[in-house]
Amino acid sequence: MYPAELVKPMREDLTNVGFEELHTAEAVEEALAKEGTTLVVVNSVCGCAAANARPGARISLDNTKKPDNIVTVFAGVDREAVDAARAHMIPFPPSSPSMALFKNGELVHMLERHHIEGRPAELIAENLKDAYNEYC
């Protein structure tokens, strides 16, 4: 587990723009049970989360259509919540960072680490915006 003071600014990258942090499996289940669309960002301490994933998620929200709910779990910190979120992302293998868009609890779009790592935040944002435009 990472120390709270280490991950605090990484959490705030998303919470400062409206993402709700989920810390328990129950919170994940409640979030995914909501009607409408929910973006789940599996946050992490790695460089590609800082340079690509979190900025891409933030930029993606500058779109006419957006998810009804935006939530995040933190790999290496919120183990129970991350495990619960990943259980809903099957058949995709666990990866962090990653992003999943759900509609009425059903997985409709997935960005795995290999879709994020080495790609600019703007490209990640465009990928998410395309998904929002289709499903939101």
N, C-alpha and C. Protein backbone atom coordinates (compact mmCIF):
# COMPACT_ATOMS: atom_id res chain seq x y z
N MET A 1 0.83 -1.18 0.00
CA MET A 1 0.00 0.00 0.00
C MET A 1 0.88 1.25 0.00
N TYR A 2 0.46 2.21 -0.76
CA TYR A 2 1.20 3.47 -0.84
C TYR A 2 0.77 4.40 0.29
N PRO A 3 1.68 5.21 0.81
CA PRO A 3 1.32 6.16 1.86
C PRO A 3 0.32 7.20 1.36
N ALA A 4 -0.60 7.58 2.23
CA ALA A 4 -1.65 8.53 1.87
C ALA A 4 -1.09 9.84 1.34
N GLU A 5 0.01 10.32 1.96
CA GLU A 5 0.56 11.61 1.52
C GLU A 5 1.17 11.52 0.12
N LEU A 6 1.59 10.34 -0.29
CA LEU A 6 2.13 10.15 -1.64
C LEU A 6 1.03 10.21 -2.69
N VAL A 7 -0.09 9.57 -2.43
CA VAL A 7 -1.15 9.48 -3.44
C VAL A 7 -2.14 10.65 -3.39
N LYS A 8 -2.10 11.45 -2.35
CA LYS A 8 -3.05 12.56 -2.22
C LYS A 8 -3.09 13.45 -3.46
N PRO A 9 -1.96 13.95 -3.96
CA PRO A 9 -2.05 14.81 -5.16
C PRO A 9 -2.51 14.04 -6.40
N MET A 10 -2.23 12.76 -6.46
CA MET A 10 -2.67 11.94 -7.59
C MET A 10 -4.19 11.73 -7.55
N ARG A 11 -4.72 11.57 -6.36
CA ARG A 11 -6.17 11.47 -6.19
C ARG A 11 -6.83 12.79 -6.59
N GLU A 12 -6.22 13.89 -6.13
CA GLU A 12 -6.79 15.22 -6.36
C GLU A 12 -6.79 15.60 -7.84
N ASP A 13 -5.91 15.00 -8.64
CA ASP A 13 -5.95 15.24 -10.09
C ASP A 13 -7.33 14.95 -10.64
N LEU A 14 -8.00 13.97 -10.07
CA LEU A 14 -9.33 13.60 -10.55
C LEU A 14 -10.45 14.16 -9.67
N THR A 15 -10.27 14.13 -8.37
CA THR A 15 -11.36 14.62 -7.50
C THR A 15 -11.58 16.12 -7.66
N ASN A 16 -10.54 16.86 -8.00
CA ASN A 16 -10.69 18.31 -8.20
C ASN A 16 -11.56 18.66 -9.40
N VAL A 17 -11.77 17.71 -10.31
CA VAL A 17 -12.65 17.96 -11.46
C VAL A 17 -13.96 17.18 -11.35
N GLY A 18 -14.24 16.64 -10.16
CA GLY A 18 -15.55 16.05 -9.91
C GLY A 18 -15.63 14.54 -9.80
N PHE A 19 -14.51 13.82 -9.96
CA PHE A 19 -14.54 12.38 -9.80
C PHE A 19 -14.80 12.03 -8.35
N GLU A 20 -15.65 11.05 -8.13
CA GLU A 20 -15.91 10.54 -6.78
C GLU A 20 -14.99 9.36 -6.52
N GLU A 21 -14.30 9.40 -5.40
CA GLU A 21 -13.44 8.29 -5.01
C GLU A 21 -14.27 7.18 -4.39
N LEU A 22 -13.98 5.95 -4.80
CA LEU A 22 -14.65 4.79 -4.23
C LEU A 22 -13.60 3.98 -3.50
N HIS A 23 -13.87 3.67 -2.23
CA HIS A 23 -12.88 2.98 -1.40
C HIS A 23 -13.28 1.56 -1.03
N THR A 24 -14.52 1.18 -1.30
CA THR A 24 -14.99 -0.14 -0.90
C THR A 24 -15.69 -0.84 -2.07
N ALA A 25 -15.80 -2.15 -1.97
CA ALA A 25 -16.53 -2.92 -2.99
C ALA A 25 -17.99 -2.48 -3.02
N GLU A 26 -18.55 -2.22 -1.86
CA GLU A 26 -19.95 -1.79 -1.78
C GLU A 26 -20.16 -0.48 -2.54
N ALA A 27 -19.24 0.45 -2.41
CA ALA A 27 -19.34 1.73 -3.12
C ALA A 27 -19.28 1.53 -4.63
N VAL A 28 -18.42 0.61 -5.07
CA VAL A 28 -18.33 0.30 -6.50
C VAL A 28 -19.64 -0.29 -7.00
N GLU A 29 -20.18 -1.24 -6.25
CA GLU A 29 -21.44 -1.87 -6.66
C GLU A 29 -22.57 -0.84 -6.74
N GLU A 30 -22.61 0.07 -5.78
CA GLU A 30 -23.64 1.12 -5.79
C GLU A 30 -23.47 2.03 -7.00
N ALA A 31 -22.23 2.41 -7.29
CA ALA A 31 -21.96 3.30 -8.43
C ALA A 31 -22.37 2.64 -9.74
N LEU A 32 -22.05 1.37 -9.90
CA LEU A 32 -22.34 0.70 -11.16
C LEU A 32 -23.80 0.27 -11.28
N ALA A 33 -24.54 0.32 -10.19
CA ALA A 33 -25.97 -0.02 -10.22
C ALA A 33 -26.82 1.17 -10.65
N LYS A 34 -26.22 2.35 -10.72
CA LYS A 34 -26.97 3.55 -11.10
C LYS A 34 -27.35 3.48 -12.57
N GLU A 35 -28.51 4.05 -12.88
CA GLU A 35 -28.92 4.16 -14.27
C GLU A 35 -28.05 5.18 -14.96
N GLY A 36 -27.90 5.00 -16.26
CA GLY A 36 -27.11 5.93 -17.04
C GLY A 36 -25.70 5.44 -17.23
N THR A 37 -24.81 6.38 -17.50
CA THR A 37 -23.43 6.03 -17.81
C THR A 37 -22.50 6.39 -16.66
N THR A 38 -21.51 5.55 -16.46
CA THR A 38 -20.52 5.75 -15.40
C THR A 38 -19.14 5.46 -15.96
N LEU A 39 -18.25 6.45 -15.83
CA LEU A 39 -16.85 6.26 -16.18
C LEU A 39 -16.10 5.88 -14.91
N VAL A 40 -15.37 4.77 -14.98
CA VAL A 40 -14.54 4.32 -13.86
C VAL A 40 -13.08 4.44 -14.30
N VAL A 41 -12.31 5.23 -13.56
CA VAL A 41 -10.88 5.35 -13.82
C VAL A 41 -10.14 4.59 -12.72
N VAL A 42 -9.35 3.60 -13.13
CA VAL A 42 -8.46 2.92 -12.20
C VAL A 42 -7.17 3.72 -12.20
N ASN A 43 -6.98 4.51 -11.18
CA ASN A 43 -5.84 5.41 -11.04
C ASN A 43 -4.63 4.62 -10.53
N SER A 44 -3.44 5.15 -10.77
CA SER A 44 -2.24 4.50 -10.24
C SER A 44 -1.12 5.52 -10.10
N VAL A 45 -0.02 5.08 -9.49
CA VAL A 45 1.12 5.98 -9.24
C VAL A 45 2.10 6.03 -10.41
N CYS A 46 1.89 5.23 -11.43
CA CYS A 46 2.86 5.15 -12.52
C CYS A 46 2.91 6.42 -13.35
N GLY A 47 3.96 6.55 -14.09
CA GLY A 47 4.16 7.73 -14.93
C GLY A 47 3.11 7.90 -16.00
N CYS A 48 2.63 6.79 -16.57
CA CYS A 48 1.63 6.93 -17.63
C CYS A 48 0.28 7.37 -17.06
N ALA A 49 0.03 7.14 -15.79
CA ALA A 49 -1.18 7.68 -15.17
C ALA A 49 -1.06 9.19 -15.04
N ALA A 50 0.12 9.66 -14.64
CA ALA A 50 0.35 11.09 -14.46
C ALA A 50 0.38 11.85 -15.78
N ALA A 51 1.06 11.29 -16.77
CA ALA A 51 1.26 12.00 -18.02
C ALA A 51 0.13 11.80 -19.02
N ASN A 52 -0.56 10.66 -18.94
CA ASN A 52 -1.52 10.32 -19.99
C ASN A 52 -2.94 10.09 -19.47
N ALA A 53 -3.09 9.20 -18.50
CA ALA A 53 -4.42 8.77 -18.07
C ALA A 53 -5.21 9.87 -17.37
N ARG A 54 -4.66 10.41 -16.30
CA ARG A 54 -5.42 11.43 -15.56
C ARG A 54 -5.68 12.66 -16.41
N PRO A 55 -4.67 13.19 -17.12
CA PRO A 55 -4.97 14.34 -17.99
C PRO A 55 -5.99 13.99 -19.08
N GLY A 56 -5.88 12.80 -19.66
CA GLY A 56 -6.84 12.39 -20.68
C GLY A 56 -8.25 12.32 -20.14
N ALA A 57 -8.41 11.77 -18.94
CA ALA A 57 -9.73 11.70 -18.32
C ALA A 57 -10.29 13.10 -18.07
N ARG A 58 -9.44 13.99 -17.58
CA ARG A 58 -9.88 15.37 -17.32
C ARG A 58 -10.30 16.06 -18.61
N ILE A 59 -9.45 15.98 -19.63
CA ILE A 59 -9.73 16.64 -20.91
C ILE A 59 -11.01 16.08 -21.54
N SER A 60 -11.25 14.80 -21.37
CA SER A 60 -12.42 14.17 -21.99
C SER A 60 -13.74 14.76 -21.50
N LEU A 61 -13.72 15.38 -20.33
CA LEU A 61 -14.94 15.94 -19.78
C LEU A 61 -15.35 17.24 -20.45
N ASP A 62 -14.47 17.79 -21.30
CA ASP A 62 -14.79 18.98 -22.08
C ASP A 62 -15.46 18.51 -23.37
N ASN A 63 -16.69 18.06 -23.23
CA ASN A 63 -17.43 17.47 -24.34
C ASN A 63 -18.91 17.72 -24.09
N THR A 64 -19.67 17.84 -25.15
CA THR A 64 -21.11 18.06 -25.01
C THR A 64 -21.77 16.91 -24.26
N LYS A 65 -21.44 15.69 -24.67
CA LYS A 65 -21.98 14.51 -23.98
C LYS A 65 -20.92 14.00 -23.01
N LYS A 66 -21.36 13.71 -21.79
CA LYS A 66 -20.46 13.23 -20.73
C LYS A 66 -21.15 12.13 -19.96
N PRO A 67 -20.36 11.33 -19.26
CA PRO A 67 -20.98 10.31 -18.39
C PRO A 67 -21.82 10.97 -17.29
N ASP A 68 -22.86 10.27 -16.89
CA ASP A 68 -23.69 10.76 -15.78
C ASP A 68 -22.92 10.74 -14.47
N ASN A 69 -22.03 9.77 -14.34
CA ASN A 69 -21.26 9.59 -13.11
C ASN A 69 -19.80 9.37 -13.47
N ILE A 70 -18.91 9.98 -12.71
CA ILE A 70 -17.47 9.77 -12.91
C ILE A 70 -16.87 9.39 -11.56
N VAL A 71 -16.24 8.21 -11.55
CA VAL A 71 -15.72 7.67 -10.29
C VAL A 71 -14.30 7.16 -10.52
N THR A 72 -13.58 6.98 -9.42
CA THR A 72 -12.22 6.48 -9.50
C THR A 72 -11.91 5.57 -8.32
N VAL A 73 -11.07 4.59 -8.61
CA VAL A 73 -10.51 3.71 -7.59
C VAL A 73 -9.00 3.77 -7.77
N PHE A 74 -8.24 3.52 -6.71
CA PHE A 74 -6.79 3.69 -6.78
C PHE A 74 -6.08 2.36 -6.57
N ALA A 75 -5.42 1.89 -7.64
CA ALA A 75 -4.67 0.63 -7.56
C ALA A 75 -3.52 0.77 -6.57
N GLY A 76 -3.33 -0.26 -5.77
CA GLY A 76 -2.27 -0.23 -4.77
C GLY A 76 -2.67 0.49 -3.50
N VAL A 77 -3.91 0.98 -3.45
CA VAL A 77 -4.40 1.69 -2.26
C VAL A 77 -5.76 1.14 -1.85
N ASP A 78 -6.72 1.25 -2.75
CA ASP A 78 -8.10 0.83 -2.47
C ASP A 78 -8.34 -0.57 -3.03
N ARG A 79 -7.66 -1.54 -2.48
CA ARG A 79 -7.65 -2.90 -3.04
C ARG A 79 -9.06 -3.47 -3.22
N GLU A 80 -9.88 -3.37 -2.20
CA GLU A 80 -11.24 -3.93 -2.26
C GLU A 80 -12.04 -3.28 -3.39
N ALA A 81 -11.96 -1.97 -3.50
CA ALA A 81 -12.69 -1.25 -4.55
C ALA A 81 -12.14 -1.58 -5.93
N VAL A 82 -10.83 -1.66 -6.05
CA VAL A 82 -10.20 -1.97 -7.33
C VAL A 82 -10.60 -3.38 -7.77
N ASP A 83 -10.55 -4.33 -6.87
CA ASP A 83 -10.94 -5.70 -7.20
C ASP A 83 -12.39 -5.77 -7.66
N ALA A 84 -13.26 -5.03 -6.99
CA ALA A 84 -14.68 -5.04 -7.36
C ALA A 84 -14.87 -4.40 -8.74
N ALA A 85 -14.19 -3.29 -8.99
CA ALA A 85 -14.30 -2.64 -10.30
C ALA A 85 -13.78 -3.55 -11.40
N ARG A 86 -12.64 -4.17 -11.16
CA ARG A 86 -12.05 -5.06 -12.18
C ARG A 86 -12.92 -6.28 -12.45
N ALA A 87 -13.66 -6.73 -11.46
CA ALA A 87 -14.56 -7.85 -11.67
C ALA A 87 -15.64 -7.51 -12.71
N HIS A 88 -15.98 -6.24 -12.81
CA HIS A 88 -16.97 -5.78 -13.80
C HIS A 88 -16.33 -5.53 -15.16
N MET A 89 -15.00 -5.55 -15.21
CA MET A 89 -14.29 -5.27 -16.46
C MET A 89 -13.88 -6.53 -17.21
N ILE A 90 -14.23 -7.69 -16.68
CA ILE A 90 -13.94 -8.96 -17.35
C ILE A 90 -14.66 -8.95 -18.69
N PRO A 91 -14.05 -9.35 -19.77
CA PRO A 91 -12.93 -10.26 -19.94
C PRO A 91 -11.57 -9.58 -20.02
N PHE A 92 -11.51 -8.27 -19.78
CA PHE A 92 -10.23 -7.58 -19.87
C PHE A 92 -9.38 -7.90 -18.64
N PRO A 93 -8.11 -8.17 -18.84
CA PRO A 93 -7.24 -8.47 -17.70
C PRO A 93 -7.00 -7.21 -16.86
N PRO A 94 -6.70 -7.39 -15.58
CA PRO A 94 -6.43 -6.24 -14.72
C PRO A 94 -5.26 -5.42 -15.26
N SER A 95 -5.45 -4.12 -15.31
CA SER A 95 -4.35 -3.23 -15.66
C SER A 95 -4.60 -1.88 -15.01
N SER A 96 -3.52 -1.21 -14.73
CA SER A 96 -3.65 0.13 -14.19
C SER A 96 -2.51 0.98 -14.75
N PRO A 97 -2.86 2.16 -15.18
CA PRO A 97 -4.21 2.72 -15.17
C PRO A 97 -5.08 2.06 -16.23
N SER A 98 -6.36 2.24 -16.07
CA SER A 98 -7.33 1.81 -17.07
C SER A 98 -8.59 2.63 -16.88
N MET A 99 -9.46 2.59 -17.89
CA MET A 99 -10.71 3.35 -17.84
C MET A 99 -11.80 2.51 -18.47
N ALA A 100 -12.95 2.51 -17.84
CA ALA A 100 -14.07 1.73 -18.35
C ALA A 100 -15.33 2.59 -18.31
N LEU A 101 -16.08 2.53 -19.39
CA LEU A 101 -17.37 3.21 -19.44
C LEU A 101 -18.46 2.15 -19.36
N PHE A 102 -19.38 2.36 -18.43
CA PHE A 102 -20.51 1.46 -18.22
C PHE A 102 -21.80 2.20 -18.55
N LYS A 103 -22.74 1.48 -19.13
CA LYS A 103 -24.07 2.04 -19.36
C LYS A 103 -25.06 1.10 -18.70
N ASN A 104 -25.79 1.64 -17.74
CA ASN A 104 -26.75 0.84 -16.96
C ASN A 104 -26.08 -0.41 -16.41
N GLY A 105 -24.85 -0.26 -15.93
CA GLY A 105 -24.12 -1.36 -15.30
C GLY A 105 -23.40 -2.29 -16.26
N GLU A 106 -23.56 -2.09 -17.56
CA GLU A 106 -22.93 -2.97 -18.56
C GLU A 106 -21.69 -2.28 -19.14
N LEU A 107 -20.60 -3.00 -19.20
CA LEU A 107 -19.36 -2.48 -19.78
C LEU A 107 -19.56 -2.25 -21.28
N VAL A 108 -19.35 -1.00 -21.73
CA VAL A 108 -19.54 -0.69 -23.15
C VAL A 108 -18.27 -0.19 -23.83
N HIS A 109 -17.26 0.22 -23.04
CA HIS A 109 -16.02 0.73 -23.63
C HIS A 109 -14.90 0.56 -22.61
N MET A 110 -13.72 0.15 -23.10
CA MET A 110 -12.60 -0.11 -22.21
C MET A 110 -11.31 0.42 -22.79
N LEU A 111 -10.53 1.08 -21.96
CA LEU A 111 -9.17 1.49 -22.29
C LEU A 111 -8.24 0.81 -21.29
N GLU A 112 -7.43 -0.10 -21.79
CA GLU A 112 -6.46 -0.78 -20.95
C GLU A 112 -5.16 0.02 -20.93
N ARG A 113 -4.26 -0.38 -20.04
CA ARG A 113 -2.97 0.30 -19.93
C ARG A 113 -2.26 0.40 -21.28
N HIS A 114 -2.31 -0.65 -22.08
CA HIS A 114 -1.60 -0.61 -23.36
C HIS A 114 -2.24 0.37 -24.34
N HIS A 115 -3.48 0.82 -24.08
CA HIS A 115 -4.11 1.87 -24.88
C HIS A 115 -3.71 3.25 -24.36
N ILE A 116 -3.16 3.31 -23.16
CA ILE A 116 -2.86 4.57 -22.49
C ILE A 116 -1.36 4.88 -22.54
N GLU A 117 -0.56 3.91 -22.18
CA GLU A 117 0.88 4.09 -22.08
C GLU A 117 1.47 4.52 -23.42
N GLY A 118 2.23 5.62 -23.41
CA GLY A 118 2.89 6.11 -24.60
C GLY A 118 2.00 6.90 -25.54
N ARG A 119 0.75 7.11 -25.17
CA ARG A 119 -0.14 7.89 -26.02
C ARG A 119 -0.43 9.23 -25.36
N PRO A 120 -0.53 10.28 -26.15
CA PRO A 120 -0.79 11.60 -25.56
C PRO A 120 -2.17 11.68 -24.91
N ALA A 121 -2.27 12.50 -23.90
CA ALA A 121 -3.53 12.67 -23.17
C ALA A 121 -4.66 13.08 -24.11
N GLU A 122 -4.34 13.90 -25.11
CA GLU A 122 -5.36 14.37 -26.04
C GLU A 122 -5.96 13.20 -26.85
N LEU A 123 -5.14 12.24 -27.21
CA LEU A 123 -5.62 11.07 -27.95
C LEU A 123 -6.52 10.21 -27.06
N ILE A 124 -6.13 10.06 -25.82
CA ILE A 124 -6.95 9.31 -24.85
C ILE A 124 -8.29 10.02 -24.65
N ALA A 125 -8.24 11.34 -24.53
CA ALA A 125 -9.47 12.13 -24.37
C ALA A 125 -10.38 11.96 -25.57
N GLU A 126 -9.82 11.99 -26.77
CA GLU A 126 -10.63 11.83 -27.99
C GLU A 126 -11.28 10.45 -28.03
N ASN A 127 -10.55 9.43 -27.61
CA ASN A 127 -11.10 8.08 -27.56
C ASN A 127 -12.30 8.05 -26.61
N LEU A 128 -12.14 8.65 -25.44
CA LEU A 128 -13.24 8.69 -24.47
C LEU A 128 -14.41 9.52 -24.99
N LYS A 129 -14.13 10.65 -25.61
CA LYS A 129 -15.20 11.49 -26.15
C LYS A 129 -16.01 10.75 -27.20
N ASP A 130 -15.33 9.98 -28.04
CA ASP A 130 -16.04 9.17 -29.03
C ASP A 130 -16.99 8.19 -28.33
N ALA A 131 -16.52 7.59 -27.25
CA ALA A 131 -17.37 6.66 -26.49
C ALA A 131 -18.54 7.42 -25.85
N TYR A 132 -18.28 8.59 -25.30
CA TYR A 132 -19.36 9.39 -24.70
C TYR A 132 -20.40 9.73 -25.76
N ASN A 133 -19.93 10.13 -26.94
CA ASN A 133 -20.85 10.51 -28.00
C ASN A 133 -21.72 9.34 -28.45
N GLU A 134 -21.19 8.15 -28.33
CA GLU A 134 -21.96 6.96 -28.72
C GLU A 134 -22.89 6.47 -27.62
N TYR A 135 -22.44 6.52 -26.37
CA TYR A 135 -23.19 5.87 -25.29
C TYR A 135 -23.87 6.80 -24.30
N CYS A 136 -23.47 8.06 -24.26
CA CYS A 136 -24.04 8.97 -23.24
C CYS A 136 -25.20 9.79 -23.80
